[in-house]
C-alpha atoms as a PDB file:
ATOM      1  CA  MET A   1      -2.358  17.053  21.082  1.00  0.00           C
ATOM      2  CA  LYS A   2      -1.525  16.026  24.365  1.00  0.00           C
ATOM      3  CA  ALA A   3      -3.687  13.667  25.841  1.00  0.00           C
ATOM      4  CA  THR A   4      -4.577  15.074  28.482  1.00  0.00           C
ATOM      5  CA  LYS A   5      -5.951  19.048  26.061  1.00  0.00           C
ATOM      6  CA  ILE A   6      -7.377  16.064  24.268  1.00  0.00           C
ATOM      7  CA  LEU A   7      -9.562  14.688  26.995  1.00  0.00           C
ATOM      8  CA  ALA A   8     -10.420  17.759  28.098  1.00  0.00           C
ATOM      9  CA  CYS A   9     -11.892  18.525  24.763  1.00  0.00           C
ATOM     10  CA  LEU A  10     -13.341  15.431  23.622  1.00  0.00           C
ATOM     11  CA  ALA A  11     -15.684  15.318  27.598  1.00  0.00           C
ATOM     12  CA  PHE A  12     -18.863  15.802  25.929  1.00  0.00           C
ATOM     13  CA  LEU A  13     -18.169  13.264  22.897  1.00  0.00           C
ATOM     14  CA  LEU A  14     -17.153  10.447  24.900  1.00  0.00           C
ATOM     15  CA  PRO A  15     -20.913   8.436  25.816  1.00  0.00           C
ATOM     16  CA  PHE A  16     -20.752   8.364  21.916  1.00  0.00           C
ATOM     17  CA  ALA A  17     -17.447   6.743  21.706  1.00  0.00           C
ATOM     18  CA  GLN A  18     -18.164   4.167  24.956  1.00  0.00           C
ATOM     19  CA  GLU A  19     -21.610   3.019  23.020  1.00  0.00           C
ATOM     20  CA  ASN A  20     -19.113   0.990  20.636  1.00  0.00           C
ATOM     21  CA  GLY A  21     -18.022  -1.459  23.149  1.00  0.00           C
ATOM     22  CA  ALA A  22     -16.691  -4.830  22.853  1.00  0.00           C
ATOM     23  CA  GLN A  23     -20.436  -6.602  22.224  1.00  0.00           C
ATOM     24  CA  GLY A  24     -19.315  -8.641  19.811  1.00  0.00           C
ATOM     25  CA  ARG A  25     -17.906 -11.955  17.794  1.00  0.00           C
ATOM     26  CA  LYS A  26     -15.285 -12.952  18.843  1.00  0.00           C
ATOM     27  CA  VAL A  27     -12.421 -12.937  15.521  1.00  0.00           C
ATOM     28  CA  ASN A  28      -8.453 -14.079  15.920  1.00  0.00           C
ATOM     29  CA  VAL A  29      -6.525 -11.786  14.601  1.00  0.00           C
ATOM     30  CA  ASN A  30      -2.006 -12.322  14.184  1.00  0.00           C
ATOM     31  CA  GLY A  31      -3.212 -15.189  17.011  1.00  0.00           C
ATOM     32  CA  LYS A  32      -5.049 -13.383  18.921  1.00  0.00           C
ATOM     33  CA  GLU A  33      -8.632 -12.702  20.577  1.00  0.00           C
ATOM     34  CA  ALA A  34     -10.154  -9.643  19.260  1.00  0.00           C
ATOM     35  CA  ILE A  35     -13.340  -8.857  19.581  1.00  0.00           C
ATOM     36  CA  VAL A  36     -15.717  -7.028  16.763  1.00  0.00           C
ATOM     37  CA  PRO A  37     -19.187  -5.619  16.458  1.00  0.00           C
ATOM     38  CA  THR A  38     -21.835  -7.917  14.960  1.00  0.00           C
ATOM     39  CA  SER A  39     -22.210  -5.051  12.565  1.00  0.00           C
ATOM     40  CA  ILE A  40     -20.034  -3.385  10.884  1.00  0.00           C
ATOM     41  CA  GLU A  41     -21.565   0.016   9.235  1.00  0.00           C
ATOM     42  CA  ARG A  42     -18.732   2.785   9.947  1.00  0.00           C
ATOM     43  CA  ILE A  43     -15.172   2.282   9.979  1.00  0.00           C
ATOM     44  CA  ALA A  44     -12.076   4.259  10.739  1.00  0.00           C
ATOM     45  CA  ASP A  45      -8.873   3.337   9.171  1.00  0.00           C
ATOM     46  CA  ALA A  46      -5.737   4.866   9.890  1.00  0.00           C
ATOM     47  CA  TRP A  47      -3.698   2.178   8.005  1.00  0.00           C
ATOM     48  CA  PRO A  48      -3.128   4.175   3.610  1.00  0.00           C
ATOM     49  CA  ALA A  49      -3.160   1.181   2.013  1.00  0.00           C
ATOM     50  CA  HIS A  50      -5.336  -0.996   4.371  1.00  0.00           C
ATOM     51  CA  ASN A  51      -8.468   1.896   3.326  1.00  0.00           C
ATOM     52  CA  MET A  52      -8.272  -0.052  -0.253  1.00  0.00           C
ATOM     53  CA  VAL A  53      -8.513  -3.691   1.290  1.00  0.00           C
ATOM     54  CA  LEU A  54     -11.103  -2.585   3.071  1.00  0.00           C
ATOM     55  CA  TYR A  55     -12.216  -1.101  -0.575  1.00  0.00           C
ATOM     56  CA  MET A  56     -11.389  -4.254  -1.870  1.00  0.00           C
ATOM     57  CA  LEU A  57     -13.279  -6.536   0.442  1.00  0.00           C
ATOM     58  CA  GLY A  58     -16.858  -5.063   0.413  1.00  0.00           C
ATOM     59  CA  TYR A  59     -16.472  -2.264   2.921  1.00  0.00           C
ATOM     60  CA  GLY A  60     -15.176   0.787   0.781  1.00  0.00           C
ATOM     61  CA  ASP A  61     -18.696   2.719   0.784  1.00  0.00           C
ATOM     62  CA  LYS A  62     -18.229   2.676   4.975  1.00  0.00           C
ATOM     63  CA  ILE A  63     -15.184   4.574   5.223  1.00  0.00           C
ATOM     64  CA  VAL A  64     -16.504   7.153   7.633  1.00  0.00           C
ATOM     65  CA  ALA A  65     -12.719   8.846   8.913  1.00  0.00           C
ATOM     66  CA  THR A  66      -9.027   7.786   7.099  1.00  0.00           C
ATOM     67  CA  SER A  67      -5.827   8.497   6.684  1.00  0.00           C
ATOM     68  CA  VAL A  68      -6.260   8.735   2.914  1.00  0.00           C
ATOM     69  CA  SER A  69      -6.422  12.390   1.319  1.00  0.00           C
ATOM     70  CA  LYS A  70      -7.806  12.996  -2.286  1.00  0.00           C
ATOM     71  CA  ARG A  71      -4.763  14.175  -3.132  1.00  0.00           C
ATOM     72  CA  MET A  72      -2.605  11.240  -1.826  1.00  0.00           C
ATOM     73  CA  CYS A  73      -4.653   8.561  -4.073  1.00  0.00           C
ATOM     74  CA  PRO A  74      -6.886  10.266  -6.132  1.00  0.00           C
ATOM     75  CA  TRP A  75      -7.897   7.375  -8.466  1.00  0.00           C
ATOM     76  CA  PHE A  76      -9.282   6.133  -5.054  1.00  0.00           C
ATOM     77  CA  TYR A  77     -10.976   8.543  -4.729  1.00  0.00           C
ATOM     78  CA  LYS A  78     -12.005   8.462  -8.554  1.00  0.00           C
ATOM     79  CA  ILE A  79     -12.896   4.664  -7.999  1.00  0.00           C
ATOM     80  CA  ASN A  80     -14.912   4.317  -4.328  1.00  0.00           C
ATOM     81  CA  PRO A  81     -16.650   8.222  -4.624  1.00  0.00           C
ATOM     82  CA  ALA A  82     -17.432   7.648  -1.395  1.00  0.00           C
ATOM     83  CA  MET A  83     -14.221   8.128   0.369  1.00  0.00           C
ATOM     84  CA  HIS A  84     -15.590  11.512  -0.581  1.00  0.00           C
ATOM     85  CA  ARG A  85     -17.493  11.786   2.666  1.00  0.00           C
ATOM     86  CA  ALA A  86     -15.621  10.172   5.013  1.00  0.00           C
ATOM     87  CA  VAL A  87     -13.047  12.836   7.161  1.00  0.00           C
ATOM     88  CA  THR A  88      -9.028  12.995   6.644  1.00  0.00           C
ATOM     89  CA  THR A  89      -8.667  11.841  10.190  1.00  0.00           C
ATOM     90  CA  PHE A  90      -5.127  10.935  10.904  1.00  0.00           C
ATOM     91  CA  ALA A  91      -1.989  12.235   9.990  1.00  0.00           C
ATOM     92  CA  PRO A  92       1.067  10.698   7.716  1.00  0.00           C
ATOM     93  CA  SER A  93       2.779  11.529  10.374  1.00  0.00           C
ATOM     94  CA  GLY A  94       1.162   9.647  13.365  1.00  0.00           C
ATOM     95  CA  ASP A  95      -1.303  12.480  14.396  1.00  0.00           C
ATOM     96  CA  SER A  96      -5.119  12.618  15.166  1.00  0.00           C
ATOM     97  CA  SER A  97      -7.839  14.445  15.409  1.00  0.00           C
ATOM     98  CA  MET A  98      -9.509  12.022  18.080  1.00  0.00           C
ATOM     99  CA  GLU A  99     -12.978  14.653  18.431  1.00  0.00           C
ATOM    100  CA  GLU A 100     -12.996  14.211  14.559  1.00  0.00           C
ATOM    101  CA  LEU A 101     -12.768  10.716  15.428  1.00  0.00           C
ATOM    102  CA  VAL A 102     -15.343  10.572  17.820  1.00  0.00           C
ATOM    103  CA  LYS A 103     -17.273  12.771  15.423  1.00  0.00           C
ATOM    104  CA  ALA A 104     -17.670  10.418  13.016  1.00  0.00           C
ATOM    105  CA  LYS A 105     -18.422   7.457  15.004  1.00  0.00           C
ATOM    106  CA  PRO A 106     -16.786   4.077  13.808  1.00  0.00           C
ATOM    107  CA  ASP A 107     -17.932   0.800  14.883  1.00  0.00           C
ATOM    108  CA  ILE A 108     -14.607  -0.132  14.521  1.00  0.00           C
ATOM    109  CA  VAL A 109     -10.837   0.962  13.790  1.00  0.00           C
ATOM    110  CA  PHE A 110      -8.201  -0.031  12.047  1.00  0.00           C
ATOM    111  CA  LEU A 111      -4.666   0.598  13.340  1.00  0.00           C
ATOM    112  CA  THR A 112      -1.172  -0.458  12.161  1.00  0.00           C
ATOM    113  CA  ARG A 113       0.299  -2.432  14.704  1.00  0.00           C
ATOM    114  CA  VAL A 114       3.093   0.793  15.654  1.00  0.00           C
ATOM    115  CA  HIS A 115       0.768   3.430  15.482  1.00  0.00           C
ATOM    116  CA  ALA A 116       0.585   5.821  19.561  1.00  0.00           C
ATOM    117  CA  ASN A 117      -2.968   5.662  19.944  1.00  0.00           C
ATOM    118  CA  ALA A 118      -3.623   2.541  19.909  1.00  0.00           C
ATOM    119  CA  ASP A 119      -3.956   2.401  23.741  1.00  0.00           C
ATOM    120  CA  PHE A 120      -5.819   5.799  23.862  1.00  0.00           C
ATOM    121  CA  ILE A 121      -8.284   5.121  20.752  1.00  0.00           C
ATOM    122  CA  ARG A 122      -8.576   1.707  22.554  1.00  0.00           C
ATOM    123  CA  SER A 123      -9.787   3.545  26.178  1.00  0.00           C
ATOM    124  CA  MET A 124     -11.798   5.767  24.433  1.00  0.00           C
ATOM    125  CA  GLY A 125     -14.147   2.620  23.587  1.00  0.00           C
ATOM    126  CA  TYR A 126     -13.557   1.956  20.252  1.00  0.00           C
ATOM    127  CA  PRO A 127     -13.187  -2.131  18.917  1.00  0.00           C
ATOM    128  CA  VAL A 128      -9.784  -2.131  17.407  1.00  0.00           C
ATOM    129  CA  VAL A 129      -7.769  -4.003  15.282  1.00  0.00           C
ATOM    130  CA  GLU A 130      -4.429  -2.969  14.919  1.00  0.00           C
ATOM    131  CA  LEU A 131      -2.245  -5.031  11.930  1.00  0.00           C
ATOM    132  CA  SER A 132       0.764  -4.802   9.859  1.00  0.00           C
ATOM    133  CA  PHE A 133       3.283  -6.700   7.396  1.00  0.00           C
ATOM    134  CA  SER A 134       6.771  -6.650   6.017  1.00  0.00           C
ATOM    135  CA  ASP A 135       6.246  -9.462   3.383  1.00  0.00           C
ATOM    136  CA  PHE A 136       4.077 -11.032   0.620  1.00  0.00           C
ATOM    137  CA  GLU A 137       3.309 -13.870   3.709  1.00  0.00           C
ATOM    138  CA  GLY A 138       1.994 -11.200   6.155  1.00  0.00           C
ATOM    139  CA  MET A 139       0.222  -9.530   3.321  1.00  0.00           C
ATOM    140  CA  GLN A 140      -1.811 -12.648   2.672  1.00  0.00           C
ATOM    141  CA  GLN A 141      -2.587 -12.911   6.328  1.00  0.00           C
ATOM    142  CA  CYS A 142      -3.653  -9.291   6.088  1.00  0.00           C
ATOM    143  CA  VAL A 143      -5.668  -9.434   4.038  1.00  0.00           C
ATOM    144  CA  LEU A 144      -7.252 -12.811   5.233  1.00  0.00           C
ATOM    145  CA  ALA A 145      -7.347 -11.514   8.882  1.00  0.00           C
ATOM    146  CA  THR A 146      -9.729  -8.544   7.967  1.00  0.00           C
ATOM    147  CA  GLY A 147     -11.879 -10.272   5.893  1.00  0.00           C
ATOM    148  CA  ASP A 148     -12.128 -12.684   9.456  1.00  0.00           C
ATOM    149  CA  VAL A 149     -13.004  -8.796  11.039  1.00  0.00           C
ATOM    150  CA  LEU A 150     -15.302  -7.671   8.289  1.00  0.00           C
ATOM    151  CA  GLY A 151     -17.354 -11.126   7.918  1.00  0.00           C
ATOM    152  CA  LYS A 152     -18.368 -14.360   5.714  1.00  0.00           C
ATOM    153  CA  GLU A 153     -18.798 -12.797   2.614  1.00  0.00           C
ATOM    154  CA  ALA A 154     -15.381 -10.553   3.305  1.00  0.00           C
ATOM    155  CA  ARG A 155     -13.208 -13.048   4.137  1.00  0.00           C
ATOM    156  CA  ILE A 156     -14.660 -15.061   0.959  1.00  0.00           C
ATOM    157  CA  LYS A 157     -13.692 -12.064  -0.954  1.00  0.00           C
ATOM    158  CA  ALA A 158     -10.219 -12.694   0.310  1.00  0.00           C
ATOM    159  CA  GLU A 159      -9.582 -15.905   0.004  1.00  0.00           C
ATOM    160  CA  LYS A 160     -10.378 -15.336  -3.961  1.00  0.00           C
ATOM    161  CA  TYR A 161      -7.493 -12.362  -3.651  1.00  0.00           C
ATOM    162  CA  VAL A 162      -4.974 -14.646  -1.844  1.00  0.00           C
ATOM    163  CA  GLY A 163      -5.331 -17.355  -4.416  1.00  0.00           C
ATOM    164  CA  TYR A 164      -4.267 -14.587  -7.095  1.00  0.00           C
ATOM    165  CA  LEU A 165      -1.288 -13.661  -5.534  1.00  0.00           C
ATOM    166  CA  LYS A 166      -0.506 -17.297  -4.955  1.00  0.00           C
ATOM    167  CA  SER A 167      -0.666 -18.154  -8.576  1.00  0.00           C
ATOM    168  CA  THR A 168       0.546 -14.884  -9.370  1.00  0.00           C
ATOM    169  CA  ILE A 169       4.084 -15.511  -7.271  1.00  0.00           C
ATOM    170  CA  ARG A 170       4.085 -18.941  -8.604  1.00  0.00           C
ATOM    171  CA  LYS A 171       3.804 -18.507 -12.146  1.00  0.00           C
ATOM    172  CA  ILE A 172       6.641 -15.565 -11.749  1.00  0.00           C
ATOM    173  CA  GLN A 173       8.785 -18.255  -9.591  1.00  0.00           C
ATOM    174  CA  GLN A 174       8.712 -21.057 -12.756  1.00  0.00           C
ATOM    175  CA  SER A 175       9.543 -18.425 -15.533  1.00  0.00           C
ATOM    176  CA  LEU A 176      12.646 -17.548 -13.607  1.00  0.00           C
ATOM    177  CA  PHE A 177      13.544 -20.624 -12.879  1.00  0.00           C
ATOM    178  CA  GLY A 178      17.671 -21.659 -14.322  1.00  0.00           C
ATOM    179  CA  ILE A 179      18.445 -17.753 -13.873  1.00  0.00           C
ATOM    180  CA  ALA A 180      22.327 -17.761 -12.553  1.00  0.00           C
ATOM    181  CA  ALA A 181      23.159 -14.829 -10.067  1.00  0.00           C
ATOM    182  CA  GLU A 182      25.102 -13.300 -12.605  1.00  0.00           C
ATOM    183  CA  GLU A 183      22.251 -12.724 -15.173  1.00  0.00           C
ATOM    184  CA  LYS A 184      19.881 -10.937 -12.032  1.00  0.00           C
ATOM    185  CA  PRO A 185      19.732  -7.248 -12.558  1.00  0.00           C
ATOM    186  CA  LYS A 186      21.395  -4.949  -9.835  1.00  0.00           C
ATOM    187  CA  VAL A 187      18.023  -2.711  -8.549  1.00  0.00           C
ATOM    188  CA  LEU A 188      17.564   0.159  -6.838  1.00  0.00           C
ATOM    189  CA  HIS A 189      14.505   1.159  -5.608  1.00  0.00           C
ATOM    190  CA  ILE A 190      14.492   5.481  -4.967  1.00  0.00           C
ATOM    191  CA  THR A 191      11.330   7.052  -3.000  1.00  0.00           C
ATOM    192  CA  SER A 192      13.027  10.645  -2.768  1.00  0.00           C
ATOM    193  CA  LEU A 193      15.119  12.966  -4.978  1.00  0.00           C
ATOM    194  CA  SER A 194      15.963  15.407  -2.785  1.00  0.00           C
ATOM    195  CA  PRO A 195      17.506  13.381  -0.397  1.00  0.00           C
ATOM    196  CA  ILE A 196      17.910  10.571  -2.587  1.00  0.00           C
ATOM    197  CA  THR A 197      15.871   7.672  -0.490  1.00  0.00           C
ATOM    198  CA  VAL A 198      16.260   4.428  -1.117  1.00  0.00           C
ATOM    199  CA  SER A 199      15.140   0.859  -0.309  1.00  0.00           C
ATOM    200  CA  GLY A 200      17.698  -1.594   1.278  1.00  0.00           C
ATOM    201  CA  ARG A 201      16.269  -4.907   2.719  1.00  0.00           C
ATOM    202  CA  GLY A 202      13.408  -5.563   5.451  1.00  0.00           C
ATOM    203  CA  ILE A 203      11.004  -4.366   3.518  1.00  0.00           C
ATOM    204  CA  ILE A 204       8.425  -5.121   0.991  1.00  0.00           C
ATOM    205  CA  MET A 205      10.004  -3.054  -1.484  1.00  0.00           C
ATOM    206  CA  ASP A 206      13.214  -5.997  -1.072  1.00  0.00           C
ATOM    207  CA  GLU A 207      11.114  -8.986  -0.860  1.00  0.00           C
ATOM    208  CA  TRP A 208       9.534  -7.691  -4.104  1.00  0.00           C
ATOM    209  CA  ILE A 209      12.984  -7.144  -6.252  1.00  0.00           C
ATOM    210  CA  LYS A 210      14.256 -10.938  -5.189  1.00  0.00           C
ATOM    211  CA  LEU A 211      11.002 -12.313  -5.825  1.00  0.00           C
ATOM    212  CA  CYS A 212      11.084 -10.513  -9.479  1.00  0.00           C
ATOM    213  CA  GLY A 213      14.614 -12.026 -10.022  1.00  0.00           C
ATOM    214  CA  GLY A 214      16.528  -8.856  -9.132  1.00  0.00           C
ATOM    215  CA  VAL A 215      19.094  -8.076  -6.946  1.00  0.00           C
ATOM    216  CA  ASN A 216      18.460  -4.625  -4.449  1.00  0.00           C
ATOM    217  CA  ALA A 217      21.100  -2.304  -4.943  1.00  0.00           C
ATOM    218  CA  ALA A 218      20.845  -0.870  -1.767  1.00  0.00           C
ATOM    219  CA  ALA A 219      20.751  -3.810   0.484  1.00  0.00           C
ATOM    220  CA  GLU A 220      23.599  -3.057   3.205  1.00  0.00           C
ATOM    221  CA  VAL A 221      20.596  -0.123   3.882  1.00  0.00           C
ATOM    222  CA  GLU A 222      18.084  -1.011   6.812  1.00  0.00           C
ATOM    223  CA  MET A 223      14.477   0.023   5.643  1.00  0.00           C
ATOM    224  CA  SER A 224      14.471   2.747   4.570  1.00  0.00           C
ATOM    225  CA  LYS A 225      17.436   6.254   4.249  1.00  0.00           C
ATOM    226  CA  PRO A 226      18.796   8.857   2.910  1.00  0.00           C
ATOM    227  CA  VAL A 227      21.993   8.035   0.528  1.00  0.00           C
ATOM    228  CA  SER A 228      24.521  10.545  -1.097  1.00  0.00           C
ATOM    229  CA  SER A 229      25.027  11.008  -4.444  1.00  0.00           C
ATOM    230  CA  GLU A 230      27.991   9.269  -4.220  1.00  0.00           C
ATOM    231  CA  GLN A 231      26.674   5.945  -3.158  1.00  0.00           C
ATOM    232  CA  VAL A 232      24.097   5.642  -6.093  1.00  0.00           C
ATOM    233  CA  LEU A 233      27.309   5.863  -8.633  1.00  0.00           C
ATOM    234  CA  LEU A 234      29.359   3.558  -6.663  1.00  0.00           C
ATOM    235  CA  TRP A 235      26.082   0.510  -6.836  1.00  0.00           C
ATOM    236  CA  ASN A 236      25.474   1.847 -10.236  1.00  0.00           C
ATOM    237  CA  PRO A 237      22.775  -0.191 -11.106  1.00  0.00           C
ATOM    238  CA  ASP A 238      21.124  -1.797 -13.766  1.00  0.00           C
ATOM    239  CA  VAL A 239      17.562  -0.794 -13.116  1.00  0.00           C
ATOM    240  CA  ILE A 240      15.986   2.216 -11.545  1.00  0.00           C
ATOM    241  CA  ILE A 241      12.690   2.464 -10.234  1.00  0.00           C
ATOM    242  CA  TYR A 242      11.642   5.431  -8.952  1.00  0.00           C
ATOM    243  CA  ALA A 243       8.250   5.631  -6.720  1.00  0.00           C
ATOM    244  CA  ASN A 244       7.160   9.182  -6.497  1.00  0.00           C
ATOM    245  CA  ALA A 245       6.892  10.547  -2.609  1.00  0.00           C
ATOM    246  CA  SER A 246       6.649  13.745  -3.233  1.00  0.00           C
ATOM    247  CA  THR A 247       4.213  15.321  -5.604  1.00  0.00           C
ATOM    248  CA  SER A 248       7.250  18.930  -6.685  1.00  0.00           C
ATOM    249  CA  ILE A 249       8.577  16.313  -8.333  1.00  0.00           C
ATOM    250  CA  THR A 250       7.569  15.301 -11.418  1.00  0.00           C
ATOM    251  CA  GLU A 251       9.516  12.288 -14.266  1.00  0.00           C
ATOM    252  CA  GLN A 252      11.343  14.530 -16.600  1.00  0.00           C
ATOM    253  CA  ASP A 253      12.947  15.817 -12.709  1.00  0.00           C
ATOM    254  CA  VAL A 254      13.721  11.629 -12.519  1.00  0.00           C
ATOM    255  CA  LEU A 255      14.421  10.902 -16.611  1.00  0.00           C
ATOM    256  CA  LEU A 256      17.194  13.918 -16.268  1.00  0.00           C
ATOM    257  CA  SER A 257      18.951  13.323 -12.441  1.00  0.00           C
ATOM    258  CA  SER A 258      22.284  14.047 -12.944  1.00  0.00           C
ATOM    259  CA  THR A 259      22.891  11.115 -10.852  1.00  0.00           C
ATOM    260  CA  LEU A 260      21.223   8.748 -12.348  1.00  0.00           C
ATOM    261  CA  LYS A 261      21.512   9.854 -15.785  1.00  0.00           C
ATOM    262  CA  SER A 262      25.191   8.492 -14.996  1.00  0.00           C
ATOM    263  CA  THR A 263      24.825   5.065 -13.572  1.00  0.00           C
ATOM    264  CA  LYS A 264      24.366   1.986 -16.521  1.00  0.00           C
ATOM    265  CA  ALA A 265      20.568   2.248 -15.345  1.00  0.00           C
ATOM    266  CA  GLY A 266      20.842   6.111 -17.149  1.00  0.00           C
ATOM    267  CA  LYS A 267      22.998   4.565 -19.751  1.00  0.00           C
ATOM    268  CA  THR A 268      20.680   2.162 -21.127  1.00  0.00           C
ATOM    269  CA  GLY A 269      17.246   3.743 -20.081  1.00  0.00           C
ATOM    270  CA  LYS A 270      16.889   1.420 -18.147  1.00  0.00           C
ATOM    271  CA  ILE A 271      15.418   4.408 -15.357  1.00  0.00           C
ATOM    272  CA  TYR A 272      11.344   3.830 -14.658  1.00  0.00           C
ATOM    273  CA  ILE A 273       8.769   5.718 -12.556  1.00  0.00           C
ATOM    274  CA  ASN A 274       6.318   3.222 -10.145  1.00  0.00           C
ATOM    275  CA  PRO A 275       3.022   2.387 -11.594  1.00  0.00           C
ATOM    276  CA  LYS A 276       0.667   4.222  -8.881  1.00  0.00           C
ATOM    277  CA  GLY A 277      -3.760   3.169  -8.702  1.00  0.00           C
ATOM    278  CA  LEU A 278      -5.909   3.159  -5.748  1.00  0.00           C
ATOM    279  CA  PHE A 279      -2.155   3.142  -3.592  1.00  0.00           C
ATOM    280  CA  SER A 280       0.926   2.775  -4.777  1.00  0.00           C
ATOM    281  CA  TRP A 281       1.841  -0.717  -6.454  1.00  0.00           C
ATOM    282  CA  ASP A 282       4.856  -0.921  -5.029  1.00  0.00           C
ATOM    283  CA  ARG A 283       4.854  -0.555  -0.873  1.00  0.00           C
ATOM    284  CA  TYR A 284       2.186  -2.385   1.390  1.00  0.00           C
ATOM    285  CA  SER A 285      -0.584  -2.796  -1.280  1.00  0.00           C
ATOM    286  CA  ILE A 286      -3.055  -4.992  -2.463  1.00  0.00           C
ATOM    287  CA  GLU A 287      -2.186  -3.939  -6.254  1.00  0.00           C
ATOM    288  CA  GLU A 288       1.532  -5.706  -5.030  1.00  0.00           C
ATOM    289  CA  ALA A 289       0.294  -8.710  -7.606  1.00  0.00           C
ATOM    290  CA  LEU A 290       0.347  -6.168 -10.084  1.00  0.00           C
ATOM    291  CA  GLN A 291       3.173  -4.624  -9.148  1.00  0.00           C
ATOM    292  CA  ILE A 292       5.468  -8.431  -9.420  1.00  0.00           C
ATOM    293  CA  GLN A 293       4.279  -8.721 -12.567  1.00  0.00           C
ATOM    294  CA  TRP A 294       5.522  -5.509 -13.858  1.00  0.00           C
ATOM    295  CA  ALA A 295       8.868  -5.379 -12.456  1.00  0.00           C
ATOM    296  CA  ALA A 296       9.176  -9.416 -13.527  1.00  0.00           C
ATOM    297  CA  GLN A 297       8.650  -7.800 -17.146  1.00  0.00           C
ATOM    298  CA  LYS A 298      10.855  -4.340 -16.981  1.00  0.00           C
ATOM    299  CA  PHE A 299      13.867  -7.157 -15.443  1.00  0.00           C
ATOM    300  CA  PHE A 300      13.699  -9.453 -17.848  1.00  0.00           C
ATOM    301  CA  PRO A 301      11.868  -8.715 -20.957  1.00  0.00           C
ATOM    302  CA  ASP A 302      12.123 -12.266 -23.451  1.00  0.00           C
ATOM    303  CA  ARG A 303      10.973 -14.581 -20.360  1.00  0.00           C
ATOM    304  CA  PHE A 304       7.853 -12.147 -19.718  1.00  0.00           C
ATOM    305  CA  GLN A 305       6.723 -11.085 -23.606  1.00  0.00           C
ATOM    306  CA  ASN A 306       3.740 -12.722 -22.817  1.00  0.00           C
ATOM    307  CA  VAL A 307       2.608 -10.783 -20.417  1.00  0.00           C
ATOM    308  CA  ASP A 308      -0.217  -7.561 -21.417  1.00  0.00           C
ATOM    309  CA  ILE A 309       0.344  -5.540 -17.892  1.00  0.00           C
ATOM    310  CA  VAL A 310      -2.235  -3.243 -19.098  1.00  0.00           C
ATOM    311  CA  ALA A 311      -4.403  -6.139 -19.774  1.00  0.00           C
ATOM    312  CA  GLU A 312      -3.461  -7.790 -16.632  1.00  0.00           C
ATOM    313  CA  THR A 313      -4.502  -4.131 -14.663  1.00  0.00           C
ATOM    314  CA  ILE A 314      -8.035  -3.779 -16.565  1.00  0.00           C
ATOM    315  CA  ARG A 315      -8.552  -8.119 -15.453  1.00  0.00           C
ATOM    316  CA  PHE A 316      -7.554  -7.256 -12.062  1.00  0.00           C
ATOM    317  CA  TYR A 317      -9.384  -4.025 -11.389  1.00  0.00           C
ATOM    318  CA  ARG A 318     -12.753  -5.541 -12.940  1.00  0.00           C
ATOM    319  CA  GLU A 319     -12.628  -8.599 -10.522  1.00  0.00           C
ATOM    320  CA  PHE A 320     -10.943  -7.359  -7.224  1.00  0.00           C
ATOM    321  CA  PHE A 321     -12.277  -3.586  -7.423  1.00  0.00           C
ATOM    322  CA  ASP A 322     -15.356  -4.199  -9.584  1.00  0.00           C
ATOM    323  CA  TYR A 323     -14.542  -1.625 -11.807  1.00  0.00           C
ATOM    324  CA  ALA A 324     -14.527  -1.844 -15.807  1.00  0.00           C
ATOM    325  CA  LEU A 325     -11.209   0.645 -16.406  1.00  0.00           C
ATOM    326  CA  THR A 326     -10.893   1.303 -19.934  1.00  0.00           C
ATOM    327  CA  ARG A 327      -6.922   0.278 -21.626  1.00  0.00           C
ATOM    328  CA  GLU A 328      -6.066   4.759 -21.602  1.00  0.00           C
ATOM    329  CA  GLU A 329      -7.140   4.758 -18.205  1.00  0.00           C
ATOM    330  CA  ALA A 330      -4.957   1.250 -16.963  1.00  0.00           C
ATOM    331  CA  ALA A 331      -2.571   2.956 -19.021  1.00  0.00           C
ATOM    332  CA  MET A 332      -2.462   5.776 -16.762  1.00  0.00           C
ATOM    333  CA  ILE A 333      -2.461   3.737 -13.906  1.00  0.00           C
ATOM    334  CA  ILE A 334       0.852   2.598 -15.207  1.00  0.00           C
ATOM    335  CA  LYS A 335       2.603   5.322 -16.306  1.00  0.00           C
ATOM    336  CA  GLY A 336       1.701   6.721 -12.458  1.00  0.00           C
ATOM    337  CA  ILE A 337       0.080   8.954 -13.995  1.00  0.00           C
ATOM    338  CA  ALA A 338      -3.232  10.992 -11.735  1.00  0.00           C
ATOM    339  CA  PRO A 339      -6.597  10.641 -13.548  1.00  0.00           C
ATOM    340  CA  ASN A 340      -7.567  13.599 -16.271  1.00  0.00           C
ATOM    341  CA  GLU A 341     -10.717  15.308 -13.266  1.00  0.00           C
ATOM    342  CA  PHE A 342      -7.887  15.837 -10.464  1.00  0.00           C
END
């Protein structure tokens, strides 16, 4: 919808938005001063993965406008049932329903730094916080900044998570110390089969592949882009990890893909479906702390024999999401399977 049309249809609603003005407290977000409300009871969040940060920090029940649908993240809706009351205002395309946003009456709006409507939403009188990251250091800063915005208790929870992530990274690095270059598996991360879309350099998938001792087979690719079957066969990866970006593609489609089966990974049975919990573990998710443990074990099973990823997933969910996963539920998440009722 064009901005002029939005303004016309929202003229009667703008006073409600402007009530949320810039009164509040000052916080530092990415080195910039921001004014946020003293009391935050209603939150709009346009960044899918960041909704889970809000939940971890104790504000999952305050999300009133979101970019996450039940179909996109069914475990999130199961574990945080308050999401059923939120309106899906922000589309994955970047489009937004401003009318629905105003009706939701958020006290604050979280956006990615590249959100197309950031200036317009800010002009409507909403406090806006823009966050993003592309590596683990940036993720830590994002979580801590969100804690600062939400308040003291949320900051304490944010620091606890960052401590866990840092500790996990150190353990993996110590376990992989001394790995020779020729021992490192060539890993291809795929997000779609039609067309085959791979993850290259400059994104967090590249970082965790390297952190876990792998070599990104698609390192010549900038960010993410489609490639030909011939290119995949030329790369001939040792390990393939598929993160399903389309509900129309099944695990069987991936494991039986003629192109993938023809690679070294296919011939040795090292094609894996990436876990998906509240959000996909592999992409800009706070569950990256579990992703790196899962991936390191897939790359170097001998060096991570003592990692019980099911038990660690249960512990993580209890500690950070205050949710008691069963072993069956944890196993489903690790296999990328949606909960039974969805």
